[in-house]
Amino acid sequence: MTDERATDARATDDSETDERESALLAGVPDGLLIGGRWRPAADGATLAVRDPSNGDVVKEIASATVADGLAALDAACAAGPAWAATPARERGEILRRAFDRLQELREDVALLMTIEMGKPLAESRGEVGYGSEFLRWFSEEAPRVQGRYGPNPEGTGRMIVSQHPVGPCFLITPWNFPLAMATRKIAPALAAGCTVVVKPASLTPLTTLLLAQVLLDAGLPDGVLNVVTTKDTGPVSEAIIRDPRLRKLSFTGSTPVGRALLEQAAGGVLRTSMELGGNAPFVVFDDADLDRAVDGAMAAKFRNIGQACTAANRFLVHRSVADEFARRVTARVEELRTGRGTQEGVTIGPLIDDRAVDKADALVTDAVERGATLRTGGTRLEGPGTYYAATVLSDVQAGSSILREEIFGPVLAIVPFDDEDEAVRLANDTEYGLVSYVYTRDLARGQRMIDRLETGMMGLNVGVVSNAAAPFGGWKQSGLGREGGAEGIHEYLQTKYTLTPDPA
């Protein structure tokens, strides 16, 4: 694969672009948001945020101590009763104003995400649309929280079932979708009447800091939203989780970290939402529309540079069309251009850090050593920046690590199968169950796959499933609970049943 990245991409950076990026970064808060005030860490510590396309430090921000984390929880607890009593319509209007403001700031927010995370600017713009939609969706869900009322079966009383905010929440977001992962948690929590402490990933915290300022400008009361950025993630998070005042934990990230957090949350019997790892199968049957399947494969694999829990990990293709599918998808992959996400025409940005590059390279090397055919890519690209070439492997053999581990990189691995039962067996042969993708023209087969595949979401002849109006979440070790949709707000509500005497 031709490396069009290195000098060419940097050569197009002009002083006007540099000035715009500098002005944008200067406007992003660099402190901790606690009780409605931006402030430095208690000990003055900072953490450096880097641009993965070149390794440059783009901003120094506050790095919270354990005391800072608990101060943020103090603020959330203090603001809780008043926010829970705020009319649902008023809570919704604040979220809607924040949505409107993000539309005005679309280009700035997109550029900020590209700078700190690396994805191409076109994809960042798409994330602004997707991520901000959670603010609009839950602004509309806030006044729709309902209970029920009616006589009990014995006729001796009336039953009132009501919904109430669960209480102070701790929200831990990942680095790969800096806006969407924040709004997907913050919006339903605020809509339900909960106050929150948010801890964004230390690799990509800037978008969350800007979002917090947008919410403050939209009229969010002091202390309702608190943001702690830190390089001491473990101690700060554990102190908040083990505090008896906390009532809810929501985490998006790896399954091993999720298990550890669940153990910490058990002591306080916290409500938990866990959106964890994935190992998504992408199943192409012999009757599939191959043009559509290839389009879906490109979206399902290379969106966000493959760094998504919903990214297709294992491409299970019927043996009769496996070679043709591999040929077509390889041709498409070889058209991709790698480079800094701000540059025109770039479709593959850098991976988030050196560890991500090392992992992709190790998985590809293992697969090739076990007998897979390397059709394109398969190499790390020279720096600066953390780049890995978009890669296609075919005839990946059983036992290869790439079939068991989440890739989180631009590597497409193809495995042939012979019949539907084998496809189902291979697809379900994983501890994960987040999402699956199926391509077939047979509607009956499509319905069977809905019933047989062990995943919480499925794309039938489509390669992207995420939508703010839909419940996002997985089965098995891919997590607990749902985000988005009508279900999303209920993760932040608790049910109360009241019995009253029969008025007769």
Protein backbone atom coordinates (compact mmCIF):
# COMPACT_ATOMS: atom_id res chain seq x y z
CA MET A 1 0.00 0.00 0.00
CA THR A 2 1.33 3.39 -0.93
CA ASP A 3 2.12 5.63 2.04
CA GLU A 4 0.73 9.00 0.98
CA ARG A 5 0.77 10.23 4.52
CA ALA A 6 4.07 11.44 5.82
CA THR A 7 5.41 14.58 4.19
CA ASP A 8 2.53 15.32 1.82
CA ALA A 9 -0.10 15.62 4.54
CA ARG A 10 2.05 17.87 6.65
CA ALA A 11 3.06 19.99 3.69
CA THR A 12 -0.50 21.19 3.21
CA ASP A 13 -0.71 22.57 6.77
CA ASP A 14 -0.57 26.34 6.40
CA SER A 15 -0.36 29.13 8.92
CA GLU A 16 -4.09 29.83 8.68
CA THR A 17 -4.90 26.23 9.62
CA ASP A 18 -2.40 26.31 12.48
CA GLU A 19 -3.88 29.55 13.78
CA ARG A 20 -7.41 28.12 13.68
CA GLU A 21 -6.35 25.03 15.61
CA SER A 22 -4.46 27.12 18.15
CA ALA A 23 -7.42 29.44 18.70
CA LEU A 24 -9.78 26.48 19.09
CA LEU A 25 -7.54 24.74 21.62
CA ALA A 26 -7.06 27.95 23.58
CA GLY A 27 -10.84 28.22 24.01
CA VAL A 28 -11.22 24.76 25.54
CA PRO A 29 -11.29 24.82 29.37
CA ASP A 30 -8.19 23.33 30.98
CA GLY A 31 -9.48 22.85 34.52
CA LEU A 32 -11.74 20.53 36.47
CA LEU A 33 -15.44 21.42 36.51
CA ILE A 34 -16.59 21.15 40.12
CA GLY A 35 -19.70 22.84 41.44
CA GLY A 36 -20.07 25.04 38.37
CA ARG A 37 -16.51 26.42 38.54
CA TRP A 38 -13.46 25.55 36.48
CA ARG A 39 -10.50 25.06 38.78
CA PRO A 40 -7.03 23.50 38.84
CA ALA A 41 -6.25 20.19 40.49
CA ALA A 42 -5.73 20.35 44.25
CA ASP A 43 -2.01 19.66 43.85
CA GLY A 44 -1.62 21.61 40.61
CA ALA A 45 -0.88 18.47 38.58
CA THR A 46 -1.57 18.40 34.86
CA LEU A 47 -1.75 15.87 32.06
CA ALA A 48 -0.68 16.32 28.46
CA VAL A 49 -3.09 15.73 25.60
CA ARG A 50 -1.35 14.68 22.38
CA ASP A 51 -2.25 14.69 18.71
CA PRO A 52 -1.80 11.04 17.60
CA SER A 53 -1.04 12.14 14.04
CA ASN A 54 2.33 13.57 15.09
CA GLY A 55 2.74 13.02 18.84
CA ASP A 56 2.71 16.74 19.63
CA VAL A 57 1.29 17.97 22.93
CA VAL A 58 -1.70 20.15 22.02
CA LYS A 59 -2.84 21.14 25.52
CA GLU A 60 -2.04 20.69 29.19
CA ILE A 61 -5.09 20.21 31.42
CA ALA A 62 -5.72 19.59 35.09
CA SER A 63 -5.15 16.08 36.44
CA ALA A 64 -7.50 15.42 39.34
CA THR A 65 -6.49 13.92 42.68
CA VAL A 66 -8.68 11.64 44.77
CA ALA A 67 -9.69 14.70 46.78
CA ASP A 68 -10.79 16.44 43.59
CA GLY A 69 -12.88 13.45 42.59
CA LEU A 70 -14.64 13.40 45.94
CA ALA A 71 -15.16 17.16 45.78
CA ALA A 72 -16.91 16.63 42.43
CA LEU A 73 -19.14 14.02 44.06
CA ASP A 74 -19.82 16.46 46.92
CA ALA A 75 -21.03 19.00 44.36
CA ALA A 76 -23.20 16.45 42.58
CA CYS A 77 -24.80 15.36 45.84
CA ALA A 78 -25.45 18.95 46.91
CA ALA A 79 -27.12 19.80 43.62
CA GLY A 80 -29.13 16.58 43.48
CA PRO A 81 -32.38 17.46 45.29
CA ALA A 82 -32.96 20.71 43.43
CA TRP A 83 -32.20 19.16 40.06
CA ALA A 84 -34.48 16.18 40.73
CA ALA A 85 -37.25 18.66 41.59
CA THR A 86 -36.69 20.69 38.43
CA PRO A 87 -39.62 20.20 36.05
CA ALA A 88 -38.89 17.67 33.34
CA ARG A 89 -39.74 20.17 30.63
CA GLU A 90 -37.14 22.59 31.99
CA ARG A 91 -34.49 19.87 32.07
CA GLY A 92 -35.38 19.00 28.51
CA GLU A 93 -35.14 22.60 27.34
CA ILE A 94 -31.58 22.87 28.68
CA LEU A 95 -30.60 19.77 26.74
CA ARG A 96 -32.26 21.14 23.62
CA ARG A 97 -30.40 24.44 23.89
CA ALA A 98 -27.15 22.50 24.21
CA PHE A 99 -28.07 20.53 21.08
CA ASP A 100 -28.72 23.73 19.15
CA ARG A 101 -25.42 25.20 20.29
CA LEU A 102 -23.50 22.12 19.18
CA GLN A 103 -25.00 22.53 15.72
CA GLU A 104 -23.61 26.05 15.63
CA LEU A 105 -20.21 24.76 16.77
CA ARG A 106 -20.22 21.73 14.46
CA GLU A 107 -17.00 22.58 12.62
CA ASP A 108 -15.09 23.49 15.77
CA VAL A 109 -16.18 20.36 17.64
CA ALA A 110 -15.34 18.17 14.65
CA LEU A 111 -11.88 19.69 14.33
CA LEU A 112 -11.25 19.28 18.06
CA MET A 113 -12.09 15.57 17.89
CA THR A 114 -9.82 15.09 14.89
CA ILE A 115 -6.96 16.82 16.70
CA GLU A 116 -7.18 14.78 19.89
CA MET A 117 -8.36 11.43 18.52
CA GLY A 118 -7.15 11.35 14.92
CA LYS A 119 -10.23 10.34 12.94
CA PRO A 120 -10.76 11.98 9.53
CA LEU A 121 -12.60 15.27 9.66
CA ALA A 122 -15.55 13.91 7.68
CA GLU A 123 -16.06 11.23 10.32
CA SER A 124 -15.76 13.78 13.11
CA ARG A 125 -18.51 15.82 11.48
CA GLY A 126 -20.62 12.68 11.42
CA GLU A 127 -19.98 12.14 15.11
CA VAL A 128 -21.13 15.66 15.90
CA GLY A 129 -24.42 14.82 14.22
CA TYR A 130 -24.74 11.46 15.95
CA GLY A 131 -23.46 12.56 19.35
CA SER A 132 -25.51 15.74 19.59
CA GLU A 133 -28.63 13.77 18.68
CA PHE A 134 -28.58 12.19 22.14
CA LEU A 135 -29.12 15.67 23.60
CA ARG A 136 -32.13 16.23 21.36
CA TRP A 137 -33.54 12.73 21.85
CA PHE A 138 -33.37 12.84 25.63
CA SER A 139 -34.61 16.42 25.75
CA GLU A 140 -37.79 14.92 24.31
CA GLU A 141 -37.75 11.85 26.57
CA ALA A 142 -37.46 13.88 29.79
CA PRO A 143 -41.16 14.84 29.97
CA ARG A 144 -42.28 11.38 28.84
CA VAL A 145 -41.25 9.46 31.94
CA GLN A 146 -44.43 7.74 33.05
CA GLY A 147 -45.82 5.62 35.85
CA ARG A 148 -49.15 3.87 36.23
CA TYR A 149 -52.17 3.91 38.50
CA GLY A 150 -54.98 1.44 39.03
CA PRO A 151 -56.82 -0.87 41.40
CA ASN A 152 -55.12 -3.94 42.76
CA PRO A 153 -56.63 -7.29 41.74
CA GLU A 154 -58.31 -7.77 45.11
CA GLY A 155 -60.11 -4.44 44.85
CA THR A 156 -58.88 -3.33 48.28
CA GLY A 157 -56.59 -0.52 47.22
CA ARG A 158 -55.03 1.53 44.44
CA MET A 159 -51.53 0.94 43.12
CA ILE A 160 -49.32 3.86 42.17
CA VAL A 161 -46.11 3.04 40.29
CA SER A 162 -43.80 6.01 39.88
CA GLN A 163 -40.30 6.62 38.50
CA HIS A 164 -37.63 8.63 40.33
CA PRO A 165 -34.02 9.69 39.61
CA VAL A 166 -31.58 7.04 40.78
CA GLY A 167 -29.30 9.69 42.33
CA PRO A 168 -25.67 10.77 41.85
CA CYS A 169 -24.02 9.04 38.90
CA PHE A 170 -20.41 8.40 37.92
CA LEU A 171 -19.93 8.22 34.15
CA ILE A 172 -16.66 6.91 32.67
CA THR A 173 -16.25 7.46 28.94
CA PRO A 174 -13.72 6.02 26.44
CA TRP A 175 -11.41 7.77 24.01
CA ASN A 176 -12.69 6.55 20.65
CA PHE A 177 -15.89 8.62 20.30
CA PRO A 178 -15.18 11.67 22.48
CA LEU A 179 -18.51 13.41 21.91
CA ALA A 180 -20.97 10.58 21.38
CA MET A 181 -19.84 8.52 24.36
CA ALA A 182 -20.23 11.57 26.60
CA THR A 183 -23.65 12.67 25.36
CA ARG A 184 -24.94 9.09 25.33
CA LYS A 185 -24.44 8.96 29.11
CA ILE A 186 -24.83 12.59 30.20
CA ALA A 187 -28.06 13.32 28.30
CA PRO A 188 -30.23 10.52 29.77
CA ALA A 189 -28.85 11.08 33.26
CA LEU A 190 -29.70 14.78 33.20
CA ALA A 191 -33.06 14.13 31.55
CA ALA A 192 -33.96 11.70 34.35
CA GLY A 193 -33.09 14.28 37.03
CA CYS A 194 -29.74 12.82 38.10
CA THR A 195 -26.58 14.77 38.82
CA VAL A 196 -23.32 13.43 37.48
CA VAL A 197 -19.56 13.24 37.74
CA VAL A 198 -17.96 12.51 34.37
CA LYS A 199 -14.46 11.14 33.92
CA PRO A 200 -13.44 11.26 30.26
CA ALA A 201 -10.54 9.22 28.94
CA SER A 202 -7.20 10.92 29.52
CA LEU A 203 -6.29 10.39 25.85
CA THR A 204 -9.22 12.45 24.51
CA PRO A 205 -10.68 14.68 27.25
CA LEU A 206 -10.92 17.98 25.37
CA THR A 207 -14.23 17.35 23.62
CA THR A 208 -15.92 16.54 26.93
CA LEU A 209 -14.54 19.73 28.47
CA LEU A 210 -15.96 21.76 25.59
CA LEU A 211 -19.29 19.92 25.86
CA ALA A 212 -19.46 20.73 29.57
CA GLN A 213 -19.03 24.42 28.83
CA VAL A 214 -21.79 24.20 26.21
CA LEU A 215 -24.14 22.70 28.81
CA LEU A 216 -23.25 25.41 31.34
CA ASP A 217 -23.93 28.07 28.71
CA ALA A 218 -27.28 26.38 28.02
CA GLY A 219 -28.32 27.06 31.62
CA LEU A 220 -27.37 23.90 33.48
CA PRO A 221 -27.26 24.74 37.22
CA ASP A 222 -23.99 24.57 39.11
CA GLY A 223 -23.04 21.14 40.38
CA VAL A 224 -25.41 19.17 38.15
CA LEU A 225 -22.55 18.26 35.82
CA ASN A 226 -19.01 17.86 37.13
CA VAL A 227 -15.99 16.80 35.07
CA VAL A 228 -12.76 15.35 36.42
CA THR A 229 -9.88 14.65 34.07
CA THR A 230 -7.01 12.65 35.50
CA LYS A 231 -3.99 10.52 34.74
CA ASP A 232 -4.57 8.68 38.06
CA THR A 233 -7.67 6.94 36.76
CA GLY A 234 -7.69 3.93 39.09
CA PRO A 235 -7.44 5.66 42.48
CA VAL A 236 -9.77 8.54 41.56
CA SER A 237 -12.43 6.25 40.08
CA GLU A 238 -12.29 3.74 42.93
CA ALA A 239 -12.70 6.46 45.56
CA ILE A 240 -15.83 7.75 43.84
CA ILE A 241 -17.27 4.28 43.21
CA ARG A 242 -16.78 3.16 46.82
CA ASP A 243 -18.34 6.32 48.27
CA PRO A 244 -21.72 5.30 49.76
CA ARG A 245 -23.42 8.39 48.33
CA LEU A 246 -22.95 7.23 44.74
CA ARG A 247 -25.93 5.37 43.30
CA LYS A 248 -25.08 4.68 39.67
CA LEU A 249 -22.02 3.72 37.60
CA SER A 250 -21.91 3.79 33.82
CA PHE A 251 -18.78 2.67 31.98
CA THR A 252 -17.77 2.17 28.36
CA GLY A 253 -14.49 0.39 27.75
CA SER A 254 -12.79 -2.98 27.80
CA THR A 255 -14.33 -6.06 29.37
CA PRO A 256 -11.42 -6.65 31.83
CA VAL A 257 -11.73 -3.11 33.20
CA GLY A 258 -15.51 -3.47 33.29
CA ARG A 259 -15.22 -6.61 35.42
CA ALA A 260 -12.94 -4.80 37.89
CA LEU A 261 -15.35 -1.88 38.15
CA LEU A 262 -18.28 -4.24 38.73
CA GLU A 263 -16.39 -5.74 41.65
CA GLN A 264 -15.90 -2.27 43.12
CA ALA A 265 -19.54 -1.38 42.51
CA ALA A 266 -20.78 -4.52 44.25
CA GLY A 267 -19.93 -3.11 47.69
CA GLY A 268 -22.46 -0.32 47.29
CA VAL A 269 -24.92 -2.42 45.27
CA LEU A 270 -24.76 0.27 42.59
CA ARG A 271 -26.93 0.38 39.53
CA THR A 272 -24.54 -0.30 36.66
CA SER A 273 -24.48 0.13 32.91
CA MET A 274 -21.56 -1.55 31.17
CA GLU A 275 -20.85 -1.18 27.47
CA LEU A 276 -17.85 -3.45 27.04
CA GLY A 277 -15.83 -5.20 24.36
CA GLY A 278 -17.00 -6.74 21.10
CA ASN A 279 -15.98 -9.35 18.57
CA ALA A 280 -18.56 -8.68 15.89
CA PRO A 281 -19.15 -11.27 13.17
CA PHE A 282 -19.93 -10.01 9.65
CA VAL A 283 -21.65 -12.87 7.85
CA VAL A 284 -21.92 -12.90 4.04
CA PHE A 285 -24.05 -15.68 2.57
CA ASP A 286 -23.78 -17.00 -0.97
CA ASP A 287 -26.97 -15.19 -2.04
CA ALA A 288 -25.85 -11.79 -0.70
CA ASP A 289 -25.70 -8.68 -2.84
CA LEU A 290 -21.90 -8.48 -2.92
CA ASP A 291 -21.79 -4.81 -3.86
CA ARG A 292 -23.92 -3.98 -0.84
CA ALA A 293 -21.92 -6.38 1.34
CA VAL A 294 -18.63 -4.74 0.37
CA ASP A 295 -20.06 -1.29 1.05
CA GLY A 296 -21.24 -2.52 4.44
CA ALA A 297 -17.88 -4.12 5.16
CA MET A 298 -16.04 -0.87 4.52
CA ALA A 299 -18.36 0.97 6.91
CA ALA A 300 -18.43 -1.74 9.57
CA LYS A 301 -14.66 -2.22 9.58
CA PHE A 302 -12.98 1.07 8.74
CA ARG A 303 -15.30 3.58 10.39
CA ASN A 304 -13.28 5.33 13.10
CA ILE A 305 -10.15 3.59 11.77
CA GLY A 306 -11.57 0.32 13.08
CA GLN A 307 -11.44 1.67 16.64
CA ALA A 308 -15.04 0.96 17.61
CA CYS A 309 -16.64 -1.68 19.78
CA THR A 310 -19.16 -2.16 16.95
CA ALA A 311 -16.42 -2.68 14.34
CA ALA A 312 -16.73 -5.94 12.43
CA ASN A 313 -13.96 -8.21 13.69
CA ARG A 314 -14.50 -11.53 11.88
CA PHE A 315 -15.73 -11.59 8.27
CA LEU A 316 -17.40 -14.96 7.81
CA VAL A 317 -17.97 -15.39 4.08
CA HIS A 318 -19.54 -18.35 2.27
CA ARG A 319 -16.82 -20.30 0.54
CA SER A 320 -18.44 -19.94 -2.90
CA VAL A 321 -18.10 -16.13 -2.80
CA ALA A 322 -15.15 -15.72 -0.41
CA ASP A 323 -12.54 -15.11 -3.11
CA GLU A 324 -14.69 -12.62 -4.98
CA PHE A 325 -15.58 -10.80 -1.78
CA ALA A 326 -11.89 -10.66 -0.81
CA ARG A 327 -10.93 -9.36 -4.26
CA ARG A 328 -13.54 -6.60 -4.20
CA VAL A 329 -12.91 -5.50 -0.65
CA THR A 330 -9.13 -5.47 -1.20
CA ALA A 331 -9.55 -3.18 -4.20
CA ARG A 332 -11.62 -0.81 -2.07
CA VAL A 333 -9.12 -0.87 0.80
CA GLU A 334 -6.25 -0.06 -1.53
CA GLU A 335 -8.10 3.14 -2.50
CA LEU A 336 -8.07 4.39 1.09
CA ARG A 337 -5.69 7.23 1.89
CA THR A 338 -3.88 7.32 5.20
CA GLY A 339 -2.86 10.59 6.83
CA ARG A 340 -3.68 13.33 9.30
CA GLY A 341 -7.43 13.55 9.60
CA THR A 342 -7.56 17.26 8.82
CA GLN A 343 -6.23 16.74 5.30
CA GLU A 344 -8.48 16.58 2.24
CA GLY A 345 -9.11 13.06 1.00
CA VAL A 346 -7.77 11.25 4.05
CA THR A 347 -9.95 8.27 5.00
CA ILE A 348 -7.69 6.49 7.53
CA GLY A 349 -6.17 8.46 10.39
CA PRO A 350 -3.69 7.37 13.04
CA LEU A 351 -4.40 4.81 15.71
CA ILE A 352 -4.70 6.30 19.17
CA ASP A 353 -1.20 5.35 20.42
CA ASP A 354 1.78 3.04 20.01
CA ARG A 355 0.13 0.23 21.95
CA ALA A 356 -2.71 0.14 19.42
CA VAL A 357 -0.22 -0.12 16.56
CA ASP A 358 1.69 -2.87 18.36
CA LYS A 359 -1.52 -4.84 18.92
CA ALA A 360 -2.67 -4.60 15.30
CA ASP A 361 0.75 -5.64 14.07
CA ALA A 362 0.96 -8.58 16.48
CA LEU A 363 -2.49 -9.87 15.47
CA VAL A 364 -1.68 -9.66 11.76
CA THR A 365 1.71 -11.33 12.24
CA ASP A 366 0.14 -14.18 14.21
CA ALA A 367 -2.56 -14.71 11.57
CA VAL A 368 -0.05 -14.83 8.71
CA GLU A 369 2.21 -17.21 10.60
CA ARG A 370 -0.79 -19.52 11.06
CA GLY A 371 -1.53 -19.58 7.33
CA ALA A 372 -3.62 -16.52 6.49
CA THR A 373 -3.06 -14.77 3.16
CA LEU A 374 -2.03 -11.12 3.39
CA ARG A 375 -3.77 -9.37 0.49
CA THR A 376 -2.80 -5.78 1.28
CA GLY A 377 -1.32 -3.73 4.10
CA GLY A 378 0.07 -5.54 7.10
CA THR A 379 2.69 -2.95 7.99
CA ARG A 380 3.17 -0.19 10.52
CA LEU A 381 3.91 3.14 8.85
CA GLU A 382 6.84 5.32 9.78
CA GLY A 383 6.22 8.26 12.08
CA PRO A 384 5.71 10.82 13.23
CA GLY A 385 2.34 9.61 14.42
CA THR A 386 0.89 6.19 15.17
CA TYR A 387 -0.23 4.75 11.86
CA TYR A 388 -0.97 1.23 10.66
CA ALA A 389 -1.74 0.41 7.03
CA ALA A 390 -5.30 -0.63 6.19
CA THR A 391 -5.07 -4.41 5.89
CA VAL A 392 -6.98 -7.35 4.40
CA LEU A 393 -6.35 -10.97 5.40
CA SER A 394 -8.09 -13.95 3.84
CA ASP A 395 -8.26 -17.64 4.76
CA VAL A 396 -7.64 -16.82 8.41
CA GLN A 397 -7.17 -20.10 10.26
CA ALA A 398 -8.91 -21.35 13.40
CA GLY A 399 -6.86 -20.64 16.49
CA SER A 400 -5.58 -17.29 15.21
CA SER A 401 -5.57 -14.63 17.92
CA ILE A 402 -7.29 -12.19 15.59
CA LEU A 403 -10.46 -14.31 15.80
CA ARG A 404 -10.55 -14.16 19.61
CA GLU A 405 -9.33 -10.66 20.42
CA GLU A 406 -10.90 -7.33 19.59
CA ILE A 407 -8.70 -5.82 16.87
CA PHE A 408 -9.45 -2.10 17.32
CA GLY A 409 -7.60 -1.23 14.15
CA PRO A 410 -7.95 -1.14 10.34
CA VAL A 411 -7.58 -4.89 9.76
CA LEU A 412 -10.21 -6.95 7.91
CA ALA A 413 -9.95 -10.72 8.48
CA ILE A 414 -11.87 -13.16 6.26
CA VAL A 415 -12.85 -16.71 7.24
CA PRO A 416 -14.73 -19.01 4.80
CA PHE A 417 -17.69 -21.16 5.85
CA ASP A 418 -19.77 -23.83 4.08
CA ASP A 419 -23.34 -23.67 5.43
CA GLU A 420 -25.67 -21.72 7.70
CA ASP A 421 -25.13 -23.88 10.75
CA GLU A 422 -21.37 -23.43 10.51
CA ALA A 423 -21.80 -19.68 10.10
CA VAL A 424 -23.89 -19.52 13.27
CA ARG A 425 -21.42 -21.68 15.18
CA LEU A 426 -18.48 -19.51 14.16
CA ALA A 427 -20.34 -16.28 14.80
CA ASN A 428 -21.38 -17.32 18.31
CA ASP A 429 -17.97 -18.77 19.21
CA THR A 430 -16.93 -15.85 21.40
CA GLU A 431 -17.45 -14.56 24.93
CA TYR A 432 -18.70 -11.30 23.43
CA GLY A 433 -22.14 -10.48 22.06
CA LEU A 434 -22.41 -6.81 21.17
CA VAL A 435 -23.37 -6.66 17.50
CA SER A 436 -23.51 -8.82 14.38
CA TYR A 437 -23.93 -8.09 10.69
CA VAL A 438 -25.63 -10.40 8.18
CA TYR A 439 -25.91 -10.09 4.41
CA THR A 440 -28.46 -12.28 2.61
CA ARG A 441 -31.35 -11.82 0.19
CA ASP A 442 -33.29 -14.64 1.89
CA LEU A 443 -35.76 -13.03 4.31
CA ALA A 444 -36.44 -16.32 6.08
CA ARG A 445 -32.73 -16.83 6.63
CA GLY A 446 -32.44 -13.26 7.87
CA GLN A 447 -35.16 -13.94 10.45
CA ARG A 448 -33.44 -17.14 11.52
CA MET A 449 -30.20 -15.24 12.03
CA ILE A 450 -32.00 -12.65 14.18
CA ASP A 451 -33.13 -15.54 16.35
CA ARG A 452 -29.88 -17.52 16.36
CA LEU A 453 -27.08 -14.97 16.69
CA GLU A 454 -26.16 -14.18 20.31
CA THR A 455 -25.77 -10.41 20.07
CA GLY A 456 -27.67 -7.48 21.51
CA MET A 457 -27.76 -5.68 18.16
CA MET A 458 -27.77 -6.78 14.54
CA GLY A 459 -27.41 -5.14 11.16
CA LEU A 460 -29.34 -7.03 8.47
CA ASN A 461 -27.93 -5.91 5.11
CA VAL A 462 -26.57 -2.73 6.74
CA GLY A 463 -23.08 -2.01 8.08
CA VAL A 464 -23.79 0.70 10.70
CA VAL A 465 -26.48 0.22 13.36
CA SER A 466 -25.96 3.00 15.91
CA ASN A 467 -28.81 5.49 16.35
CA ALA A 468 -29.82 7.67 19.29
CA ALA A 469 -33.39 6.36 19.05
CA ALA A 470 -32.30 2.72 19.38
CA PRO A 471 -31.19 0.74 22.47
CA PHE A 472 -27.42 0.23 22.29
CA GLY A 473 -25.90 -2.65 24.23
CA GLY A 474 -24.80 -6.26 24.20
CA TRP A 475 -25.24 -9.76 25.52
CA LYS A 476 -22.79 -12.01 27.35
CA GLN A 477 -19.54 -10.25 28.30
CA SER A 478 -20.26 -7.28 26.07
CA GLY A 479 -22.10 -5.60 28.88
CA LEU A 480 -25.17 -4.76 30.91
CA GLY A 481 -27.97 -2.30 30.29
CA ARG A 482 -28.80 -0.15 27.28
CA GLU A 483 -27.93 3.35 26.10
CA GLY A 484 -30.12 5.36 23.77
CA GLY A 485 -33.73 4.80 22.77
CA ALA A 486 -36.67 4.80 25.12
CA GLU A 487 -34.73 2.29 27.21
CA GLY A 488 -31.80 4.63 27.82
CA ILE A 489 -33.47 6.96 30.31
CA HIS A 490 -34.67 4.04 32.45
CA GLU A 491 -31.07 3.19 33.29
CA TYR A 492 -31.15 6.37 35.42
CA LEU A 493 -34.56 5.87 37.04
CA GLN A 494 -35.73 3.71 39.92
CA THR A 495 -39.23 2.41 40.47
CA LYS A 496 -41.44 3.05 43.50
CA TYR A 497 -44.69 1.23 44.20
CA THR A 498 -47.20 2.83 46.55
CA LEU A 499 -50.45 1.30 47.79
CA THR A 500 -53.32 3.53 48.88
CA PRO A 501 -56.68 2.47 50.38
CA ASP A 502 -59.58 2.01 48.03
CA PRO A 503 -61.38 5.37 48.02
CA ALA A 504 -64.70 3.56 48.23
